[in-house]
N, C-alpha and C. Protein backbone atom coordinates (compact mmCIF):
# COMPACT_ATOMS: atom_id res chain seq x y z
N MET A 1 -3.64 -138.87 -7.10
CA MET A 1 -4.67 -139.07 -8.11
C MET A 1 -5.73 -137.98 -7.94
N PRO A 2 -6.09 -137.28 -9.02
CA PRO A 2 -7.08 -136.22 -8.90
C PRO A 2 -8.47 -136.80 -8.62
N THR A 3 -9.22 -136.04 -7.89
CA THR A 3 -10.57 -136.49 -7.58
C THR A 3 -11.49 -136.23 -8.76
N LYS A 4 -12.65 -136.84 -8.72
CA LYS A 4 -13.62 -136.73 -9.81
C LYS A 4 -14.10 -135.29 -9.98
N THR A 5 -14.26 -134.58 -8.87
CA THR A 5 -14.75 -133.20 -8.96
C THR A 5 -13.73 -132.28 -9.60
N SER A 6 -12.43 -132.49 -9.36
CA SER A 6 -11.44 -131.61 -9.97
C SER A 6 -11.38 -131.80 -11.48
N ARG A 7 -11.55 -133.03 -11.96
CA ARG A 7 -11.58 -133.25 -13.41
C ARG A 7 -12.79 -132.56 -14.04
N ASN A 8 -13.92 -132.63 -13.40
CA ASN A 8 -15.13 -132.02 -13.94
C ASN A 8 -14.99 -130.50 -13.99
N LYS A 9 -14.36 -129.91 -12.97
CA LYS A 9 -14.19 -128.46 -12.95
C LYS A 9 -13.29 -128.02 -14.10
N SER A 10 -12.20 -128.74 -14.34
CA SER A 10 -11.30 -128.33 -15.42
C SER A 10 -11.95 -128.51 -16.78
N ALA A 11 -12.74 -129.56 -16.95
CA ALA A 11 -13.45 -129.77 -18.21
C ALA A 11 -14.51 -128.70 -18.41
N ALA A 12 -15.17 -128.32 -17.31
CA ALA A 12 -16.21 -127.29 -17.42
C ALA A 12 -15.59 -125.94 -17.76
N SER A 13 -14.45 -125.61 -17.17
CA SER A 13 -13.83 -124.32 -17.47
C SER A 13 -13.31 -124.29 -18.90
N ALA A 14 -12.81 -125.42 -19.41
CA ALA A 14 -12.35 -125.47 -20.80
C ALA A 14 -13.51 -125.32 -21.77
N SER A 15 -14.65 -125.91 -21.43
CA SER A 15 -15.79 -125.80 -22.34
C SER A 15 -16.37 -124.40 -22.32
N ARG A 16 -16.32 -123.72 -21.16
CA ARG A 16 -16.82 -122.35 -21.10
C ARG A 16 -15.94 -121.39 -21.89
N SER A 17 -14.64 -121.61 -21.86
CA SER A 17 -13.74 -120.71 -22.58
C SER A 17 -13.83 -120.91 -24.09
N GLY A 18 -14.29 -122.07 -24.51
CA GLY A 18 -14.45 -122.33 -25.94
C GLY A 18 -13.19 -122.82 -26.62
N ALA A 19 -12.11 -123.00 -25.86
CA ALA A 19 -10.85 -123.42 -26.45
C ALA A 19 -10.92 -124.83 -27.02
N ALA A 20 -11.67 -125.71 -26.38
CA ALA A 20 -11.71 -127.10 -26.82
C ALA A 20 -12.71 -127.31 -27.96
N GLN A 21 -13.65 -126.39 -28.13
CA GLN A 21 -14.71 -126.63 -29.09
C GLN A 21 -14.57 -125.85 -30.39
N ARG A 22 -13.65 -124.91 -30.47
CA ARG A 22 -13.49 -124.13 -31.70
C ARG A 22 -12.82 -124.94 -32.77
N PRO A 23 -13.37 -124.94 -33.98
CA PRO A 23 -12.66 -125.63 -35.06
C PRO A 23 -11.45 -124.81 -35.50
N ALA A 24 -10.46 -125.50 -36.02
CA ALA A 24 -9.26 -124.82 -36.50
C ALA A 24 -9.60 -123.99 -37.73
N ALA A 25 -9.31 -122.71 -37.68
CA ALA A 25 -9.62 -121.81 -38.80
C ALA A 25 -8.55 -121.96 -39.87
N GLY A 26 -8.97 -121.90 -41.12
CA GLY A 26 -8.03 -121.99 -42.23
C GLY A 26 -7.35 -120.66 -42.48
N PRO A 27 -6.52 -120.59 -43.50
CA PRO A 27 -5.83 -119.34 -43.80
C PRO A 27 -6.81 -118.27 -44.30
N VAL A 28 -6.50 -117.03 -44.01
CA VAL A 28 -7.32 -115.91 -44.47
C VAL A 28 -6.86 -115.55 -45.88
N ILE A 29 -7.79 -115.64 -46.84
CA ILE A 29 -7.47 -115.37 -48.24
C ILE A 29 -8.31 -114.20 -48.73
N ARG A 30 -7.63 -113.20 -49.33
CA ARG A 30 -8.33 -112.04 -49.91
C ARG A 30 -7.88 -111.88 -51.35
N ARG A 31 -8.81 -112.08 -52.27
CA ARG A 31 -8.51 -112.05 -53.69
C ARG A 31 -8.30 -110.61 -54.16
N VAL A 32 -7.24 -110.41 -54.95
CA VAL A 32 -6.90 -109.08 -55.47
C VAL A 32 -7.35 -108.95 -56.92
N SER A 33 -6.98 -109.93 -57.73
CA SER A 33 -7.27 -109.87 -59.16
C SER A 33 -7.50 -111.28 -59.67
N GLN A 34 -8.32 -111.39 -60.71
CA GLN A 34 -8.64 -112.71 -61.27
C GLN A 34 -8.63 -112.61 -62.79
N ASN A 35 -8.09 -113.64 -63.44
CA ASN A 35 -8.05 -113.71 -64.89
C ASN A 35 -9.23 -114.57 -65.35
N ARG A 36 -10.37 -113.94 -65.60
CA ARG A 36 -11.60 -114.68 -65.93
C ARG A 36 -11.54 -115.31 -67.32
N ARG A 37 -10.82 -114.70 -68.24
CA ARG A 37 -10.72 -115.24 -69.60
C ARG A 37 -9.93 -116.54 -69.65
N ALA A 38 -9.05 -116.74 -68.69
CA ALA A 38 -8.15 -117.89 -68.73
C ALA A 38 -8.92 -119.21 -68.75
N ARG A 39 -9.94 -119.35 -67.94
CA ARG A 39 -10.71 -120.61 -67.90
C ARG A 39 -11.55 -120.80 -69.16
N HIS A 40 -11.81 -119.71 -69.86
CA HIS A 40 -12.55 -119.81 -71.12
C HIS A 40 -11.62 -120.15 -72.29
N ASP A 41 -10.44 -119.55 -72.30
CA ASP A 41 -9.51 -119.71 -73.42
C ASP A 41 -8.60 -120.92 -73.31
N TYR A 42 -8.47 -121.50 -72.11
CA TYR A 42 -7.52 -122.58 -71.90
C TYR A 42 -8.17 -123.74 -71.16
N ASP A 43 -7.66 -124.95 -71.40
CA ASP A 43 -7.97 -126.11 -70.58
C ASP A 43 -6.93 -126.14 -69.47
N ILE A 44 -7.36 -126.02 -68.23
CA ILE A 44 -6.45 -125.98 -67.10
C ILE A 44 -6.09 -127.42 -66.72
N LEU A 45 -4.80 -127.75 -66.77
CA LEU A 45 -4.36 -129.11 -66.47
C LEU A 45 -3.90 -129.24 -65.02
N GLU A 46 -3.22 -128.25 -64.50
CA GLU A 46 -2.70 -128.30 -63.13
C GLU A 46 -2.46 -126.88 -62.65
N THR A 47 -2.61 -126.66 -61.34
CA THR A 47 -2.37 -125.33 -60.78
C THR A 47 -1.28 -125.39 -59.71
N PHE A 48 -0.58 -124.29 -59.56
CA PHE A 48 0.47 -124.13 -58.57
C PHE A 48 0.23 -122.83 -57.83
N GLU A 49 0.54 -122.82 -56.53
CA GLU A 49 0.52 -121.59 -55.76
C GLU A 49 1.97 -121.13 -55.62
N CYS A 50 2.24 -119.90 -55.99
CA CYS A 50 3.61 -119.40 -55.88
C CYS A 50 3.60 -117.98 -55.34
N GLY A 51 4.72 -117.59 -54.78
CA GLY A 51 4.88 -116.23 -54.30
C GLY A 51 5.26 -115.32 -55.45
N ILE A 52 5.24 -114.04 -55.20
CA ILE A 52 5.60 -113.07 -56.22
C ILE A 52 6.54 -112.04 -55.59
N GLU A 53 7.58 -111.69 -56.32
CA GLU A 53 8.55 -110.71 -55.84
C GLU A 53 8.06 -109.32 -56.22
N LEU A 54 7.82 -108.48 -55.22
CA LEU A 54 7.32 -107.13 -55.45
C LEU A 54 8.32 -106.12 -54.92
N ARG A 55 8.29 -104.92 -55.47
CA ARG A 55 9.21 -103.85 -55.08
C ARG A 55 8.43 -102.60 -54.68
N GLY A 56 9.02 -101.85 -53.79
CA GLY A 56 8.50 -100.53 -53.44
C GLY A 56 7.07 -100.58 -52.95
N ALA A 57 6.25 -99.73 -53.53
CA ALA A 57 4.86 -99.59 -53.10
C ALA A 57 3.92 -100.53 -53.84
N GLU A 58 4.46 -101.54 -54.55
CA GLU A 58 3.59 -102.47 -55.29
C GLU A 58 2.67 -103.26 -54.35
N VAL A 59 3.14 -103.55 -53.15
CA VAL A 59 2.31 -104.28 -52.20
C VAL A 59 1.10 -103.44 -51.81
N LYS A 60 1.32 -102.15 -51.56
CA LYS A 60 0.21 -101.26 -51.22
C LYS A 60 -0.77 -101.15 -52.38
N SER A 61 -0.24 -101.12 -53.58
CA SER A 61 -1.10 -101.05 -54.76
C SER A 61 -1.93 -102.33 -54.89
N LEU A 62 -1.32 -103.48 -54.61
CA LEU A 62 -2.05 -104.75 -54.65
C LEU A 62 -3.13 -104.78 -53.58
N ARG A 63 -2.80 -104.31 -52.39
CA ARG A 63 -3.80 -104.28 -51.32
C ARG A 63 -4.99 -103.40 -51.69
N ALA A 64 -4.75 -102.40 -52.53
CA ALA A 64 -5.84 -101.53 -53.00
C ALA A 64 -6.57 -102.14 -54.20
N GLY A 65 -6.13 -103.32 -54.66
CA GLY A 65 -6.80 -104.00 -55.76
C GLY A 65 -6.44 -103.46 -57.12
N GLN A 66 -5.27 -102.87 -57.27
CA GLN A 66 -4.87 -102.20 -58.50
C GLN A 66 -4.00 -103.09 -59.39
N MET A 67 -4.47 -104.28 -59.73
CA MET A 67 -3.70 -105.18 -60.60
C MET A 67 -4.62 -105.80 -61.63
N THR A 68 -4.11 -105.92 -62.86
CA THR A 68 -4.87 -106.61 -63.92
C THR A 68 -4.02 -107.74 -64.48
N LEU A 69 -4.68 -108.87 -64.74
CA LEU A 69 -4.02 -110.05 -65.30
C LEU A 69 -4.56 -110.37 -66.69
N GLN A 70 -5.18 -109.43 -67.34
CA GLN A 70 -5.90 -109.69 -68.58
C GLN A 70 -5.05 -110.36 -69.65
N ASP A 71 -3.89 -109.85 -69.95
CA ASP A 71 -3.03 -110.43 -71.00
C ASP A 71 -1.75 -111.02 -70.41
N ALA A 72 -1.80 -111.41 -69.15
CA ALA A 72 -0.60 -111.87 -68.47
C ALA A 72 -0.32 -113.35 -68.78
N TYR A 73 0.94 -113.69 -68.74
CA TYR A 73 1.38 -115.07 -68.90
C TYR A 73 2.70 -115.22 -68.15
N ALA A 74 3.15 -116.45 -67.98
CA ALA A 74 4.42 -116.70 -67.29
C ALA A 74 5.35 -117.46 -68.22
N ARG A 75 6.63 -117.31 -67.98
CA ARG A 75 7.63 -117.97 -68.81
C ARG A 75 8.79 -118.42 -67.93
N VAL A 76 9.33 -119.60 -68.23
CA VAL A 76 10.52 -120.09 -67.54
C VAL A 76 11.73 -119.63 -68.35
N ASP A 77 12.63 -118.88 -67.69
CA ASP A 77 13.80 -118.35 -68.37
C ASP A 77 15.02 -118.52 -67.47
N ARG A 78 15.98 -119.31 -67.92
CA ARG A 78 17.22 -119.57 -67.20
C ARG A 78 17.00 -120.00 -65.75
N GLY A 79 16.08 -120.94 -65.57
CA GLY A 79 15.85 -121.51 -64.24
C GLY A 79 15.00 -120.67 -63.32
N GLN A 80 14.35 -119.62 -63.84
CA GLN A 80 13.47 -118.79 -63.03
C GLN A 80 12.16 -118.60 -63.78
N VAL A 81 11.07 -118.44 -63.02
CA VAL A 81 9.76 -118.22 -63.62
C VAL A 81 9.42 -116.74 -63.50
N TRP A 82 9.04 -116.14 -64.62
CA TRP A 82 8.73 -114.71 -64.67
C TRP A 82 7.28 -114.50 -65.08
N LEU A 83 6.62 -113.55 -64.43
CA LEU A 83 5.27 -113.15 -64.78
C LEU A 83 5.38 -111.94 -65.70
N LEU A 84 4.86 -112.07 -66.91
CA LEU A 84 4.95 -111.02 -67.92
C LEU A 84 3.54 -110.54 -68.28
N GLY A 85 3.42 -109.27 -68.60
CA GLY A 85 2.15 -108.72 -69.06
C GLY A 85 1.18 -108.35 -67.97
N ALA A 86 1.53 -108.54 -66.71
CA ALA A 86 0.65 -108.13 -65.61
C ALA A 86 0.89 -106.65 -65.33
N HIS A 87 -0.17 -105.93 -65.06
CA HIS A 87 -0.08 -104.49 -64.83
C HIS A 87 -0.45 -104.20 -63.38
N VAL A 88 0.50 -103.65 -62.64
CA VAL A 88 0.24 -103.18 -61.27
C VAL A 88 0.29 -101.66 -61.33
N ALA A 89 -0.86 -101.03 -61.13
CA ALA A 89 -0.92 -99.57 -61.21
C ALA A 89 -0.04 -98.95 -60.14
N PRO A 90 0.62 -97.84 -60.45
CA PRO A 90 1.47 -97.19 -59.44
C PRO A 90 0.63 -96.74 -58.24
N TYR A 91 1.18 -96.89 -57.07
CA TYR A 91 0.50 -96.47 -55.85
C TYR A 91 0.40 -94.95 -55.84
N GLU A 92 -0.78 -94.47 -55.57
CA GLU A 92 -1.07 -93.04 -55.68
C GLU A 92 -0.20 -92.17 -54.77
N TYR A 93 0.08 -92.65 -53.57
CA TYR A 93 0.78 -91.83 -52.58
C TYR A 93 2.27 -92.12 -52.50
N ALA A 94 2.80 -92.91 -53.42
CA ALA A 94 4.23 -93.23 -53.38
C ALA A 94 5.03 -92.08 -53.99
N ASN A 95 6.15 -91.79 -53.37
CA ASN A 95 7.02 -90.78 -53.94
C ASN A 95 7.94 -91.45 -54.95
N GLY A 96 8.96 -90.77 -55.42
CA GLY A 96 9.85 -91.29 -56.46
C GLY A 96 10.54 -92.58 -56.08
N PHE A 97 10.84 -92.79 -54.80
CA PHE A 97 11.56 -93.98 -54.37
C PHE A 97 10.70 -95.25 -54.54
N GLY A 98 9.42 -95.15 -54.23
CA GLY A 98 8.55 -96.34 -54.25
C GLY A 98 7.96 -96.65 -55.61
N ARG A 99 8.15 -95.79 -56.59
CA ARG A 99 7.54 -96.01 -57.91
C ARG A 99 8.43 -96.91 -58.76
N VAL A 100 7.79 -97.87 -59.43
CA VAL A 100 8.49 -98.77 -60.35
C VAL A 100 7.65 -98.87 -61.62
N ASP A 101 8.22 -99.46 -62.66
CA ASP A 101 7.52 -99.64 -63.92
C ASP A 101 6.31 -100.55 -63.70
N PRO A 102 5.10 -100.12 -64.03
CA PRO A 102 3.90 -100.93 -63.75
C PRO A 102 3.82 -102.22 -64.58
N ASP A 103 4.52 -102.28 -65.71
CA ASP A 103 4.43 -103.45 -66.58
C ASP A 103 5.71 -104.29 -66.57
N ARG A 104 6.55 -104.11 -65.58
CA ARG A 104 7.82 -104.83 -65.55
C ARG A 104 7.60 -106.32 -65.31
N PRO A 105 8.55 -107.17 -65.75
CA PRO A 105 8.46 -108.60 -65.42
C PRO A 105 8.69 -108.81 -63.93
N ARG A 106 7.92 -109.70 -63.32
CA ARG A 106 8.04 -109.98 -61.90
C ARG A 106 8.39 -111.45 -61.70
N LYS A 107 9.34 -111.69 -60.81
CA LYS A 107 9.77 -113.07 -60.56
C LYS A 107 8.73 -113.79 -59.71
N LEU A 108 8.40 -115.02 -60.11
CA LEU A 108 7.52 -115.87 -59.32
C LEU A 108 8.39 -116.83 -58.51
N LEU A 109 8.00 -117.05 -57.27
CA LEU A 109 8.81 -117.82 -56.34
C LEU A 109 8.26 -119.23 -56.20
N LEU A 110 9.02 -120.19 -56.71
CA LEU A 110 8.66 -121.60 -56.66
C LEU A 110 9.86 -122.41 -56.19
N HIS A 111 9.62 -123.64 -55.78
CA HIS A 111 10.72 -124.55 -55.44
C HIS A 111 11.41 -124.99 -56.72
N ARG A 112 12.67 -125.34 -56.61
CA ARG A 112 13.47 -125.75 -57.77
C ARG A 112 12.84 -126.93 -58.51
N ARG A 113 12.35 -127.92 -57.78
CA ARG A 113 11.76 -129.08 -58.46
C ARG A 113 10.48 -128.70 -59.21
N GLN A 114 9.73 -127.74 -58.68
CA GLN A 114 8.52 -127.26 -59.38
C GLN A 114 8.91 -126.52 -60.66
N ILE A 115 9.95 -125.72 -60.60
CA ILE A 115 10.41 -124.99 -61.79
C ILE A 115 10.88 -125.97 -62.85
N ASP A 116 11.64 -126.99 -62.44
CA ASP A 116 12.11 -127.99 -63.39
C ASP A 116 10.95 -128.74 -64.03
N GLU A 117 9.94 -129.09 -63.23
CA GLU A 117 8.76 -129.78 -63.76
C GLU A 117 8.01 -128.89 -64.76
N LEU A 118 7.84 -127.62 -64.42
CA LEU A 118 7.13 -126.69 -65.31
C LEU A 118 7.88 -126.51 -66.62
N SER A 119 9.19 -126.30 -66.54
CA SER A 119 9.95 -126.07 -67.77
C SER A 119 9.93 -127.29 -68.67
N GLY A 120 10.00 -128.49 -68.08
CA GLY A 120 9.93 -129.71 -68.87
C GLY A 120 8.59 -129.90 -69.55
N ARG A 121 7.51 -129.67 -68.82
CA ARG A 121 6.17 -129.86 -69.40
C ARG A 121 5.88 -128.83 -70.48
N VAL A 122 6.28 -127.58 -70.24
CA VAL A 122 6.01 -126.51 -71.21
C VAL A 122 6.79 -126.77 -72.49
N ALA A 123 8.03 -127.22 -72.38
CA ALA A 123 8.87 -127.45 -73.56
C ALA A 123 8.42 -128.68 -74.35
N GLN A 124 8.08 -129.76 -73.68
CA GLN A 124 7.77 -131.01 -74.37
C GLN A 124 6.35 -131.04 -74.93
N GLN A 125 5.39 -130.56 -74.16
CA GLN A 125 3.99 -130.74 -74.54
C GLN A 125 3.34 -129.50 -75.13
N SER A 126 4.12 -128.49 -75.43
CA SER A 126 3.63 -127.21 -75.96
C SER A 126 2.45 -126.67 -75.15
N LEU A 127 2.69 -126.55 -73.86
CA LEU A 127 1.70 -125.98 -72.95
C LEU A 127 2.12 -124.56 -72.61
N THR A 128 1.25 -123.84 -71.92
CA THR A 128 1.57 -122.47 -71.52
C THR A 128 1.30 -122.29 -70.04
N LEU A 129 1.92 -121.30 -69.44
CA LEU A 129 1.72 -120.96 -68.03
C LEU A 129 0.87 -119.70 -67.95
N VAL A 130 -0.28 -119.82 -67.31
CA VAL A 130 -1.23 -118.72 -67.25
C VAL A 130 -1.54 -118.41 -65.78
N PRO A 131 -1.43 -117.14 -65.36
CA PRO A 131 -1.84 -116.79 -64.00
C PRO A 131 -3.37 -116.73 -63.92
N LEU A 132 -3.95 -117.43 -62.97
CA LEU A 132 -5.41 -117.43 -62.81
C LEU A 132 -5.87 -116.34 -61.85
N SER A 133 -5.12 -116.13 -60.77
CA SER A 133 -5.52 -115.10 -59.82
C SER A 133 -4.33 -114.68 -58.97
N VAL A 134 -4.48 -113.52 -58.35
CA VAL A 134 -3.52 -113.00 -57.38
C VAL A 134 -4.32 -112.73 -56.12
N TYR A 135 -3.76 -113.16 -54.98
CA TYR A 135 -4.47 -113.00 -53.72
C TYR A 135 -3.48 -112.89 -52.58
N PHE A 136 -3.98 -112.45 -51.44
CA PHE A 136 -3.18 -112.41 -50.22
C PHE A 136 -3.62 -113.58 -49.35
N LYS A 137 -2.65 -114.40 -48.95
CA LYS A 137 -2.91 -115.53 -48.07
C LYS A 137 -2.14 -115.28 -46.78
N ASP A 138 -2.87 -115.02 -45.72
CA ASP A 138 -2.28 -114.65 -44.44
C ASP A 138 -1.31 -113.48 -44.58
N GLY A 139 -1.65 -112.50 -45.42
CA GLY A 139 -0.86 -111.29 -45.56
C GLY A 139 0.27 -111.37 -46.57
N ILE A 140 0.45 -112.51 -47.23
CA ILE A 140 1.53 -112.67 -48.20
C ILE A 140 0.93 -112.78 -49.60
N ALA A 141 1.45 -112.03 -50.55
CA ALA A 141 0.94 -112.03 -51.92
C ALA A 141 1.28 -113.36 -52.60
N LYS A 142 0.28 -113.98 -53.20
CA LYS A 142 0.44 -115.26 -53.89
C LYS A 142 -0.19 -115.17 -55.27
N VAL A 143 0.32 -116.00 -56.19
CA VAL A 143 -0.22 -116.09 -57.55
C VAL A 143 -0.63 -117.54 -57.77
N GLU A 144 -1.83 -117.75 -58.29
CA GLU A 144 -2.27 -119.08 -58.69
C GLU A 144 -1.90 -119.24 -60.16
N LEU A 145 -0.92 -120.09 -60.43
CA LEU A 145 -0.37 -120.28 -61.76
C LEU A 145 -0.86 -121.62 -62.31
N ALA A 146 -1.33 -121.63 -63.55
CA ALA A 146 -1.87 -122.84 -64.15
C ALA A 146 -1.04 -123.29 -65.34
N VAL A 147 -0.87 -124.60 -65.46
CA VAL A 147 -0.32 -125.19 -66.67
C VAL A 147 -1.54 -125.47 -67.54
N ALA A 148 -1.57 -124.88 -68.74
CA ALA A 148 -2.78 -124.92 -69.54
C ALA A 148 -2.48 -125.21 -71.00
N ARG A 149 -3.51 -125.71 -71.68
CA ARG A 149 -3.44 -125.95 -73.12
C ARG A 149 -4.49 -125.05 -73.78
N GLY A 150 -4.11 -124.35 -74.81
CA GLY A 150 -5.03 -123.43 -75.49
C GLY A 150 -6.18 -124.16 -76.16
N ARG A 151 -7.35 -123.55 -76.12
CA ARG A 151 -8.53 -124.13 -76.76
C ARG A 151 -8.74 -123.52 -78.13
N LYS A 152 -9.25 -124.32 -79.04
CA LYS A 152 -9.67 -123.83 -80.34
C LYS A 152 -11.07 -123.23 -80.20
N THR A 153 -11.54 -122.52 -81.22
CA THR A 153 -12.85 -121.88 -81.16
C THR A 153 -13.96 -122.89 -80.96
N TYR A 154 -13.89 -124.01 -81.66
CA TYR A 154 -14.95 -125.01 -81.52
C TYR A 154 -14.92 -125.66 -80.14
N ASP A 155 -13.74 -125.74 -79.52
CA ASP A 155 -13.66 -126.25 -78.15
C ASP A 155 -14.34 -125.30 -77.18
N LYS A 156 -14.19 -124.01 -77.41
CA LYS A 156 -14.81 -123.02 -76.54
C LYS A 156 -16.33 -123.12 -76.63
N ARG A 157 -16.84 -123.28 -77.87
CA ARG A 157 -18.29 -123.42 -78.05
C ARG A 157 -18.79 -124.68 -77.37
N HIS A 158 -18.02 -125.76 -77.50
CA HIS A 158 -18.41 -127.02 -76.88
C HIS A 158 -18.43 -126.88 -75.35
N ALA A 159 -17.44 -126.21 -74.79
CA ALA A 159 -17.38 -126.01 -73.34
C ALA A 159 -18.56 -125.17 -72.86
N LEU A 160 -18.93 -124.13 -73.62
CA LEU A 160 -20.08 -123.31 -73.26
C LEU A 160 -21.37 -124.11 -73.29
N ALA A 161 -21.54 -124.93 -74.34
CA ALA A 161 -22.74 -125.76 -74.46
C ALA A 161 -22.81 -126.77 -73.31
N GLU A 162 -21.68 -127.34 -72.95
CA GLU A 162 -21.62 -128.30 -71.85
C GLU A 162 -22.00 -127.64 -70.53
N ARG A 163 -21.46 -126.45 -70.29
CA ARG A 163 -21.77 -125.74 -69.06
C ARG A 163 -23.25 -125.37 -69.00
N ASP A 164 -23.82 -124.91 -70.13
CA ASP A 164 -25.24 -124.58 -70.16
C ASP A 164 -26.10 -125.81 -69.91
N ALA A 165 -25.69 -126.96 -70.44
CA ALA A 165 -26.45 -128.19 -70.23
C ALA A 165 -26.45 -128.61 -68.77
N THR A 166 -25.30 -128.49 -68.12
CA THR A 166 -25.25 -128.86 -66.70
C THR A 166 -26.07 -127.88 -65.85
N ARG A 167 -26.06 -126.61 -66.19
CA ARG A 167 -26.89 -125.65 -65.47
C ARG A 167 -28.37 -125.96 -65.64
N GLU A 168 -28.74 -126.31 -66.86
CA GLU A 168 -30.14 -126.65 -67.15
C GLU A 168 -30.56 -127.89 -66.37
N MET A 169 -29.68 -128.90 -66.33
CA MET A 169 -29.99 -130.12 -65.58
C MET A 169 -30.14 -129.81 -64.09
N ALA A 170 -29.27 -128.96 -63.56
CA ALA A 170 -29.36 -128.60 -62.15
C ALA A 170 -30.66 -127.85 -61.86
N ARG A 171 -31.05 -126.98 -62.79
CA ARG A 171 -32.29 -126.22 -62.61
C ARG A 171 -33.50 -127.16 -62.62
N VAL A 172 -33.52 -128.11 -63.56
CA VAL A 172 -34.63 -129.06 -63.65
C VAL A 172 -34.69 -129.93 -62.40
N MET A 173 -33.53 -130.38 -61.92
CA MET A 173 -33.50 -131.21 -60.72
C MET A 173 -34.01 -130.42 -59.50
N LYS A 174 -33.66 -129.15 -59.42
CA LYS A 174 -34.11 -128.32 -58.32
C LYS A 174 -35.62 -128.14 -58.39
N GLU A 175 -36.17 -127.91 -59.57
CA GLU A 175 -37.61 -127.78 -59.75
C GLU A 175 -38.33 -129.09 -59.41
N HIS A 176 -37.72 -130.21 -59.78
CA HIS A 176 -38.32 -131.52 -59.52
C HIS A 176 -38.36 -131.84 -58.03
N GLN A 177 -37.40 -131.37 -57.27
CA GLN A 177 -37.34 -131.64 -55.83
C GLN A 177 -38.36 -130.83 -55.06
N ARG A 178 -38.86 -129.77 -55.61
CA ARG A 178 -39.85 -128.94 -54.91
C ARG A 178 -41.15 -129.58 -54.86
């Protein structure tokens, strides 16, 4: 049986090293590109995180932040999800081998059951798949894909008015607390 002093020494050494007191760190996320218009033009119903299939020097181009999602959308075609309309600028230092078409369709990597769910919802409820952002999560390129319903013009105005009202209420509450 260990003595009382030996337990205290081991606890003291663990506390000095900081191993027992450090909180578990989450994944490291670095955002590459964001589709800001998507939240304005669409009602976001659900989001999915998926991988993206890249070729050649596209990863280096993404790490340099050379991607736009402005007019991008996704489509389910023959059991696979494709990202269309996204532009990845060619990497400046890539030779002929690493260069690919900057506007080519890119495969999104999802589980089979997720693909089946997406294709069913998009077909039945006339929804669309919109990429919200592209980011690196622990060094792996990911796409945040949303199932969304398009907004009409009057819906957009209503959403803007609602957002302004909540900002105004927050400002008044902050002033009142002072």
